[in-house]
Amino acid sequence: MEMKKKPIMTIDEYIATFPDSIQEILQKIRQTIRESAPQAQEAISYRIPTFKLNGNLVHFAAFKDHIGFFPTSSGVEAFQKDLSGYETSKGTIRFPLDKPIPFDLIRKIVKFRVKENLERKRT
């Protein structure tokens, strides 16, 4: 009989499933998001770490060769120039693990998304 893995319920549980070097990066991304969006709530959504503020703000996740950062399509579009050195798709940015993670860029994107979600709430 196969044991079913229990679902991950918190960002801490998610981060704990990775090797130390990756945990360090994930914690720093989490900290960067927290500082940039102090009013956002932490959650697990689509089985990955998520920050919510009037809906989904950003998601992030670790993969074999990269960190996925998911600031929705508007977050990717708004920073197209800054992201030219990274692989992107509609709502996804891939930060390769063999290069430094651009925490300042993550901070800028999160602040952009906070503004966007707060404005959406007003309308």
Protein backbone atom coordinates (compact mmCIF):
# COMPACT_ATOMS: atom_id res chain seq x y z
CA MET A 1 0.00 0.00 0.00
CA GLU A 2 1.33 3.39 -1.01
CA MET A 3 1.31 6.18 1.55
CA LYS A 4 -0.36 9.30 0.27
CA LYS A 5 1.71 12.42 0.82
CA LYS A 6 -0.15 14.83 3.00
CA PRO A 7 -0.92 18.07 1.23
CA ILE A 8 1.32 21.02 1.97
CA MET A 9 -0.65 23.61 3.93
CA THR A 10 1.87 26.37 4.67
CA ILE A 11 4.77 28.11 2.95
CA ASP A 12 7.06 26.80 5.72
CA GLU A 13 6.05 23.21 4.91
CA TYR A 14 6.63 23.86 1.21
CA ILE A 15 10.09 25.35 1.72
CA ALA A 16 11.08 22.52 4.09
CA THR A 17 10.76 20.00 1.23
CA PHE A 18 13.83 21.43 -0.56
CA PRO A 19 17.60 21.19 0.03
CA ASP A 20 19.13 23.92 2.22
CA SER A 21 20.56 25.94 -0.67
CA ILE A 22 17.10 26.19 -2.28
CA GLN A 23 15.39 26.83 1.08
CA GLU A 24 17.65 29.84 1.50
CA ILE A 25 16.59 31.30 -1.85
CA LEU A 26 12.90 30.60 -1.22
CA GLN A 27 13.06 32.23 2.23
CA LYS A 28 14.72 35.30 0.76
CA ILE A 29 12.06 35.57 -1.97
CA ARG A 30 9.36 35.19 0.68
CA GLN A 31 11.01 37.91 2.79
CA THR A 32 11.30 40.21 -0.24
CA ILE A 33 7.59 39.76 -1.00
CA ARG A 34 6.63 40.32 2.65
CA GLU A 35 8.61 43.57 2.80
CA SER A 36 7.11 44.77 -0.49
CA ALA A 37 3.54 43.75 0.37
CA PRO A 38 3.26 43.73 4.18
CA GLN A 39 -0.56 43.64 4.04
CA ALA A 40 -0.66 40.53 1.82
CA GLN A 41 -1.70 37.16 3.26
CA GLU A 42 0.39 34.02 2.83
CA ALA A 43 -1.30 30.95 1.42
CA ILE A 44 -0.71 27.81 -0.60
CA SER A 45 -2.55 27.93 -3.90
CA TYR A 46 -2.03 25.56 -6.85
CA ARG A 47 0.22 23.68 -4.35
CA ILE A 48 2.78 26.53 -4.32
CA PRO A 49 3.52 29.54 -2.07
CA THR A 50 1.12 32.38 -2.80
CA PHE A 51 0.61 35.88 -1.51
CA LYS A 52 -2.93 37.24 -1.67
CA LEU A 53 -4.13 40.83 -1.57
CA ASN A 54 -7.58 41.39 -3.10
CA GLY A 55 -7.06 38.13 -4.95
CA ASN A 56 -3.80 36.48 -5.98
CA LEU A 57 -0.83 38.83 -5.84
CA VAL A 58 2.15 36.59 -6.73
CA HIS A 59 3.16 32.93 -6.53
CA PHE A 60 6.63 31.39 -6.45
CA ALA A 61 8.02 27.88 -6.62
CA ALA A 62 11.26 25.95 -6.93
CA PHE A 63 11.97 23.63 -9.85
CA LYS A 64 14.96 21.51 -10.85
CA ASP A 65 16.89 24.27 -12.64
CA HIS A 66 15.02 27.47 -11.81
CA ILE A 67 12.81 29.43 -9.47
CA GLY A 68 9.43 30.17 -10.98
CA PHE A 69 7.96 33.56 -10.10
CA PHE A 70 4.34 34.12 -11.12
CA PRO A 71 3.28 37.78 -10.95
CA THR A 72 0.35 37.31 -13.41
CA SER A 73 0.58 38.39 -17.04
CA SER A 74 0.41 42.12 -16.19
CA GLY A 75 3.41 41.78 -13.87
CA VAL A 76 5.41 40.14 -16.67
CA GLU A 77 4.29 42.66 -19.33
CA ALA A 78 5.06 45.73 -17.21
CA PHE A 79 8.68 44.64 -16.70
CA GLN A 80 9.40 43.23 -20.18
CA LYS A 81 12.60 45.32 -20.52
CA ASP A 82 14.00 44.28 -17.11
CA LEU A 83 13.13 40.65 -17.85
CA SER A 84 14.85 40.45 -21.24
CA GLY A 85 17.60 38.21 -19.80
CA TYR A 86 15.10 35.69 -18.39
CA GLU A 87 12.79 33.11 -19.86
CA THR A 88 9.20 34.32 -19.52
CA SER A 89 5.77 33.22 -20.64
CA LYS A 90 2.31 34.69 -20.08
CA GLY A 91 2.36 34.97 -16.27
CA THR A 92 5.66 33.28 -15.51
CA ILE A 93 9.28 34.29 -15.04
CA ARG A 94 12.04 31.68 -14.71
CA PHE A 95 15.08 32.68 -12.68
CA PRO A 96 17.83 30.11 -13.38
CA LEU A 97 19.45 28.67 -10.26
CA ASP A 98 22.93 29.07 -11.74
CA LYS A 99 22.59 32.89 -11.74
CA PRO A 100 21.97 35.33 -8.87
CA ILE A 101 18.26 35.82 -8.13
CA PRO A 102 17.27 39.46 -8.89
CA PHE A 103 15.63 40.31 -5.55
CA ASP A 104 15.40 44.03 -6.41
CA LEU A 105 13.46 43.18 -9.55
CA ILE A 106 11.16 40.87 -7.56
CA ARG A 107 10.59 43.75 -5.11
CA LYS A 108 9.67 46.15 -7.96
CA ILE A 109 7.29 43.65 -9.55
CA VAL A 110 5.56 42.90 -6.22
CA LYS A 111 5.08 46.63 -5.52
CA PHE A 112 3.62 47.04 -9.01
CA ARG A 113 1.21 44.14 -8.36
CA VAL A 114 0.18 45.58 -4.94
CA LYS A 115 -0.68 48.91 -6.60
CA GLU A 116 -2.57 47.09 -9.36
CA ASN A 117 -4.61 44.94 -6.95
CA LEU A 118 -5.42 47.89 -4.65
CA GLU A 119 -6.56 49.98 -7.63
CA ARG A 120 -8.73 47.11 -8.85
CA LYS A 121 -10.42 47.04 -5.44
CA ARG A 122 -11.32 50.74 -5.72
CA THR A 123 -13.02 50.43 -9.11
